[in-house]
Amino acid sequence: MNIETRFNALCVGKNESTTSDGKTTFYTLALVQNGQAGNIACSPDVYNAVLASGQPIESYDFTGIYRDGQYKGFRITHAGEAGSLISGKPQSTSPAGNPKSSK
């Protein structure tokens, strides 16, 4: 079973790590929401799209999926323009939208 959720958070960093044999790369985003911070796995497309403007901190509306099958885990699959959840605008189908800077 897959459970999908949409949420807003600040992205304050990102990390790319590769296994010692170089065959697998893992992508994570450092997110802050409601005063709490954590690192969450994401797809390569989302990793490449967030913080692309060069700003150190940006707000996004994220879509994440929890998979409860053989490979359990939570992963961010989409990052869209901040405010799209509140305004009722549908999220685009691209992996990342045009984020608004948080200054």
N, C-alpha and C. Protein backbone atom coordinates (compact mmCIF):
# COMPACT_ATOMS: atom_id res chain seq x y z
N MET A 1 0.84 -1.17 0.00
CA MET A 1 0.00 0.00 0.00
C MET A 1 0.89 1.24 0.00
N ASN A 2 0.51 2.26 -0.78
CA ASN A 2 1.21 3.54 -0.81
C ASN A 2 0.32 4.62 -0.19
N ILE A 3 0.91 5.44 0.66
CA ILE A 3 0.20 6.56 1.26
C ILE A 3 0.89 7.83 0.79
N GLU A 4 0.14 8.72 0.15
CA GLU A 4 0.70 9.96 -0.38
C GLU A 4 0.28 11.13 0.50
N THR A 5 1.21 12.06 0.71
CA THR A 5 0.91 13.26 1.49
C THR A 5 1.53 14.47 0.81
N ARG A 6 0.89 15.62 1.02
CA ARG A 6 1.43 16.89 0.52
C ARG A 6 1.64 17.80 1.71
N PHE A 7 2.78 18.50 1.72
CA PHE A 7 3.10 19.36 2.85
C PHE A 7 4.04 20.47 2.42
N ASN A 8 4.06 21.54 3.22
CA ASN A 8 4.95 22.66 2.96
C ASN A 8 6.09 22.60 3.97
N ALA A 9 7.31 22.90 3.50
CA ALA A 9 8.48 22.93 4.38
C ALA A 9 9.56 23.78 3.74
N LEU A 10 10.50 24.21 4.58
CA LEU A 10 11.68 24.92 4.09
C LEU A 10 12.77 23.90 3.77
N CYS A 11 13.38 24.03 2.61
CA CYS A 11 14.54 23.21 2.28
C CYS A 11 15.77 24.03 2.62
N VAL A 12 16.60 23.52 3.52
CA VAL A 12 17.78 24.26 3.98
C VAL A 12 19.09 23.61 3.53
N GLY A 13 18.99 22.54 2.78
CA GLY A 13 20.19 21.89 2.26
C GLY A 13 19.85 20.58 1.58
N LYS A 14 20.86 20.02 0.94
CA LYS A 14 20.67 18.73 0.29
C LYS A 14 22.00 17.98 0.28
N ASN A 15 21.91 16.65 0.20
CA ASN A 15 23.10 15.82 0.25
C ASN A 15 22.98 14.68 -0.75
N GLU A 16 24.09 14.40 -1.38
CA GLU A 16 24.19 13.28 -2.32
C GLU A 16 25.32 12.39 -1.83
N SER A 17 25.03 11.10 -1.63
CA SER A 17 26.08 10.17 -1.19
C SER A 17 26.04 8.92 -2.05
N THR A 18 27.22 8.36 -2.25
CA THR A 18 27.36 7.18 -3.10
C THR A 18 27.95 6.04 -2.27
N THR A 19 27.50 4.84 -2.54
CA THR A 19 28.05 3.68 -1.83
C THR A 19 29.52 3.52 -2.18
N SER A 20 30.25 2.79 -1.36
CA SER A 20 31.70 2.64 -1.56
C SER A 20 32.05 1.98 -2.89
N ASP A 21 31.15 1.16 -3.41
CA ASP A 21 31.43 0.54 -4.71
C ASP A 21 31.02 1.44 -5.88
N GLY A 22 30.40 2.58 -5.59
CA GLY A 22 30.03 3.55 -6.61
C GLY A 22 28.81 3.18 -7.44
N LYS A 23 28.10 2.13 -7.06
CA LYS A 23 26.97 1.66 -7.87
C LYS A 23 25.64 2.31 -7.52
N THR A 24 25.50 2.81 -6.30
CA THR A 24 24.23 3.37 -5.86
C THR A 24 24.44 4.76 -5.28
N THR A 25 23.58 5.69 -5.67
CA THR A 25 23.63 7.05 -5.14
C THR A 25 22.33 7.32 -4.40
N PHE A 26 22.46 7.93 -3.22
CA PHE A 26 21.31 8.28 -2.39
C PHE A 26 21.20 9.80 -2.35
N TYR A 27 19.97 10.31 -2.42
CA TYR A 27 19.71 11.75 -2.41
C TYR A 27 18.81 12.07 -1.23
N THR A 28 19.17 13.11 -0.45
CA THR A 28 18.34 13.54 0.67
C THR A 28 18.24 15.06 0.70
N LEU A 29 17.13 15.52 1.26
CA LEU A 29 16.91 16.95 1.47
C LEU A 29 16.86 17.21 2.98
N ALA A 30 17.43 18.33 3.40
CA ALA A 30 17.32 18.77 4.78
C ALA A 30 16.14 19.72 4.85
N LEU A 31 15.10 19.34 5.59
CA LEU A 31 13.87 20.11 5.66
C LEU A 31 13.60 20.60 7.08
N VAL A 32 12.96 21.78 7.16
CA VAL A 32 12.52 22.33 8.44
C VAL A 32 11.03 22.61 8.33
N GLN A 33 10.28 22.13 9.32
CA GLN A 33 8.83 22.36 9.36
C GLN A 33 8.41 22.44 10.83
N ASN A 34 7.70 23.52 11.17
CA ASN A 34 7.19 23.70 12.54
C ASN A 34 8.29 23.58 13.59
N GLY A 35 9.45 24.14 13.30
CA GLY A 35 10.54 24.16 14.27
C GLY A 35 11.32 22.87 14.39
N GLN A 36 11.00 21.88 13.58
CA GLN A 36 11.72 20.61 13.62
C GLN A 36 12.43 20.38 12.29
N ALA A 37 13.60 19.76 12.35
CA ALA A 37 14.39 19.53 11.14
C ALA A 37 14.70 18.05 10.98
N GLY A 38 14.89 17.66 9.73
CA GLY A 38 15.25 16.27 9.45
C GLY A 38 15.68 16.11 8.01
N ASN A 39 16.31 14.99 7.72
CA ASN A 39 16.72 14.65 6.36
C ASN A 39 15.78 13.58 5.82
N ILE A 40 15.29 13.81 4.60
CA ILE A 40 14.33 12.90 3.99
C ILE A 40 14.81 12.54 2.60
N ALA A 41 14.72 11.27 2.25
CA ALA A 41 15.11 10.78 0.93
C ALA A 41 14.25 11.42 -0.15
N CYS A 42 14.84 11.61 -1.32
CA CYS A 42 14.09 12.17 -2.45
C CYS A 42 14.57 11.54 -3.75
N SER A 43 13.80 11.78 -4.81
CA SER A 43 14.18 11.29 -6.12
C SER A 43 15.30 12.17 -6.70
N PRO A 44 16.09 11.65 -7.64
CA PRO A 44 17.14 12.47 -8.27
C PRO A 44 16.59 13.72 -8.94
N ASP A 45 15.41 13.65 -9.54
CA ASP A 45 14.81 14.82 -10.19
C ASP A 45 14.52 15.93 -9.19
N VAL A 46 13.96 15.57 -8.05
CA VAL A 46 13.67 16.57 -7.01
C VAL A 46 14.98 17.14 -6.48
N TYR A 47 15.96 16.28 -6.23
CA TYR A 47 17.26 16.73 -5.73
C TYR A 47 17.88 17.78 -6.65
N ASN A 48 17.83 17.54 -7.94
CA ASN A 48 18.43 18.46 -8.92
C ASN A 48 17.64 19.76 -9.06
N ALA A 49 16.36 19.74 -8.75
CA ALA A 49 15.52 20.92 -8.96
C ALA A 49 15.46 21.87 -7.77
N VAL A 50 15.55 21.34 -6.54
CA VAL A 50 15.44 22.23 -5.38
C VAL A 50 16.74 22.98 -5.15
N LEU A 51 16.61 24.19 -4.62
CA LEU A 51 17.73 25.08 -4.34
C LEU A 51 18.56 25.38 -5.58
N ALA A 52 17.97 25.22 -6.76
CA ALA A 52 18.68 25.47 -8.01
C ALA A 52 18.91 26.96 -8.25
N SER A 53 18.18 27.82 -7.56
CA SER A 53 18.32 29.27 -7.75
C SER A 53 19.57 29.81 -7.08
N GLY A 54 20.19 29.02 -6.23
CA GLY A 54 21.37 29.48 -5.52
C GLY A 54 21.07 30.03 -4.14
N GLN A 55 19.78 30.20 -3.81
CA GLN A 55 19.39 30.65 -2.47
C GLN A 55 19.68 29.52 -1.47
N PRO A 56 20.17 29.84 -0.27
CA PRO A 56 20.47 28.79 0.70
C PRO A 56 19.24 28.16 1.34
N ILE A 57 18.11 28.88 1.36
CA ILE A 57 16.87 28.39 1.96
C ILE A 57 15.72 28.76 1.05
N GLU A 58 14.85 27.78 0.74
CA GLU A 58 13.66 28.06 -0.07
C GLU A 58 12.50 27.23 0.44
N SER A 59 11.30 27.78 0.29
CA SER A 59 10.08 27.10 0.71
C SER A 59 9.45 26.40 -0.49
N TYR A 60 8.99 25.18 -0.27
CA TYR A 60 8.36 24.38 -1.33
C TYR A 60 7.13 23.68 -0.77
N ASP A 61 6.23 23.32 -1.66
CA ASP A 61 5.17 22.38 -1.34
C ASP A 61 5.64 21.03 -1.88
N PHE A 62 5.81 20.07 -0.99
CA PHE A 62 6.34 18.76 -1.35
C PHE A 62 5.24 17.72 -1.42
N THR A 63 5.47 16.70 -2.22
CA THR A 63 4.65 15.50 -2.22
C THR A 63 5.57 14.35 -1.81
N GLY A 64 5.11 13.58 -0.84
CA GLY A 64 5.88 12.44 -0.38
C GLY A 64 5.02 11.19 -0.39
N ILE A 65 5.67 10.07 -0.57
CA ILE A 65 4.96 8.79 -0.59
C ILE A 65 5.60 7.84 0.40
N TYR A 66 4.77 7.27 1.27
CA TYR A 66 5.21 6.20 2.15
C TYR A 66 4.81 4.89 1.50
N ARG A 67 5.78 4.03 1.30
CA ARG A 67 5.51 2.72 0.70
C ARG A 67 5.57 1.67 1.80
N ASP A 68 4.53 0.86 1.88
CA ASP A 68 4.42 -0.15 2.92
C ASP A 68 4.45 -1.54 2.31
N GLY A 69 5.33 -1.74 1.35
CA GLY A 69 5.46 -3.04 0.71
C GLY A 69 6.74 -3.72 1.16
N GLN A 70 7.39 -4.39 0.25
CA GLN A 70 8.65 -5.07 0.56
C GLN A 70 9.72 -4.08 0.99
N TYR A 71 9.75 -2.91 0.32
CA TYR A 71 10.74 -1.88 0.64
C TYR A 71 10.02 -0.71 1.31
N LYS A 72 9.92 -0.76 2.63
CA LYS A 72 9.22 0.28 3.38
C LYS A 72 10.06 1.55 3.43
N GLY A 73 9.39 2.71 3.37
CA GLY A 73 10.12 3.96 3.51
C GLY A 73 9.33 5.13 2.96
N PHE A 74 9.79 6.32 3.33
CA PHE A 74 9.17 7.57 2.90
C PHE A 74 10.14 8.28 1.98
N ARG A 75 9.62 8.83 0.88
CA ARG A 75 10.46 9.47 -0.12
C ARG A 75 9.70 10.64 -0.74
N ILE A 76 10.39 11.76 -0.93
CA ILE A 76 9.79 12.92 -1.60
C ILE A 76 9.87 12.70 -3.10
N THR A 77 8.73 12.83 -3.75
CA THR A 77 8.66 12.58 -5.19
C THR A 77 8.39 13.83 -6.01
N HIS A 78 8.05 14.94 -5.35
CA HIS A 78 7.72 16.16 -6.08
C HIS A 78 7.96 17.37 -5.19
N ALA A 79 8.44 18.46 -5.79
CA ALA A 79 8.57 19.74 -5.09
C ALA A 79 7.97 20.80 -5.99
N GLY A 80 6.96 21.49 -5.49
CA GLY A 80 6.28 22.51 -6.28
C GLY A 80 6.38 23.88 -5.64
N GLU A 81 5.84 24.85 -6.33
CA GLU A 81 5.86 26.24 -5.87
C GLU A 81 5.17 26.35 -4.52
N ALA A 82 5.82 27.02 -3.60
CA ALA A 82 5.23 27.22 -2.27
C ALA A 82 3.94 28.00 -2.40
N GLY A 83 2.93 27.58 -1.67
CA GLY A 83 1.63 28.24 -1.70
C GLY A 83 0.61 27.52 -2.56
N SER A 84 1.03 26.55 -3.34
CA SER A 84 0.08 25.87 -4.22
C SER A 84 -0.92 25.03 -3.43
N LEU A 85 -0.56 24.60 -2.24
CA LEU A 85 -1.49 23.82 -1.42
C LEU A 85 -2.59 24.70 -0.84
N ILE A 86 -2.25 25.93 -0.47
CA ILE A 86 -3.21 26.84 0.15
C ILE A 86 -4.13 27.47 -0.88
N SER A 87 -3.56 27.86 -2.01
CA SER A 87 -4.34 28.59 -3.00
C SER A 87 -5.26 27.70 -3.81
N GLY A 88 -5.08 26.40 -3.68
CA GLY A 88 -5.92 25.49 -4.44
C GLY A 88 -5.41 25.23 -5.84
N LYS A 89 -4.27 25.85 -6.21
CA LYS A 89 -3.70 25.58 -7.52
C LYS A 89 -3.20 24.14 -7.55
N PRO A 90 -3.48 23.42 -8.62
CA PRO A 90 -2.97 22.05 -8.68
C PRO A 90 -1.46 22.07 -8.84
N GLN A 91 -0.79 21.08 -8.23
CA GLN A 91 0.64 20.98 -8.40
C GLN A 91 0.94 20.54 -9.82
N SER A 92 2.02 21.07 -10.37
CA SER A 92 2.41 20.68 -11.73
C SER A 92 2.90 19.24 -11.70
N THR A 93 3.00 18.64 -12.87
CA THR A 93 3.46 17.27 -12.93
C THR A 93 4.97 17.18 -13.00
N SER A 94 5.65 18.32 -13.08
CA SER A 94 7.11 18.30 -13.10
C SER A 94 7.64 18.03 -11.70
N PRO A 95 8.87 17.53 -11.58
CA PRO A 95 9.42 17.21 -10.28
C PRO A 95 9.59 18.41 -9.37
N ALA A 96 9.77 19.61 -9.93
CA ALA A 96 9.90 20.79 -9.09
C ALA A 96 9.35 22.00 -9.83
N GLY A 97 8.71 22.85 -9.07
CA GLY A 97 8.13 24.07 -9.66
C GLY A 97 9.06 25.25 -9.52
N ASN A 98 8.52 26.42 -9.57
CA ASN A 98 9.28 27.63 -9.38
C ASN A 98 9.11 28.08 -7.94
N PRO A 99 10.09 27.74 -7.08
CA PRO A 99 9.93 28.05 -5.67
C PRO A 99 10.04 29.54 -5.40
N LYS A 100 9.38 29.94 -4.31
CA LYS A 100 9.51 31.31 -3.84
C LYS A 100 10.59 31.33 -2.78
N SER A 101 11.46 32.28 -2.85
CA SER A 101 12.55 32.39 -1.89
C SER A 101 12.04 32.77 -0.52
N SER A 102 12.66 32.24 0.50
CA SER A 102 12.40 32.64 1.87
C SER A 102 13.56 33.50 2.30
N LYS A 103 13.31 34.77 2.56
CA LYS A 103 14.41 35.67 2.93
C LYS A 103 14.24 36.15 4.34
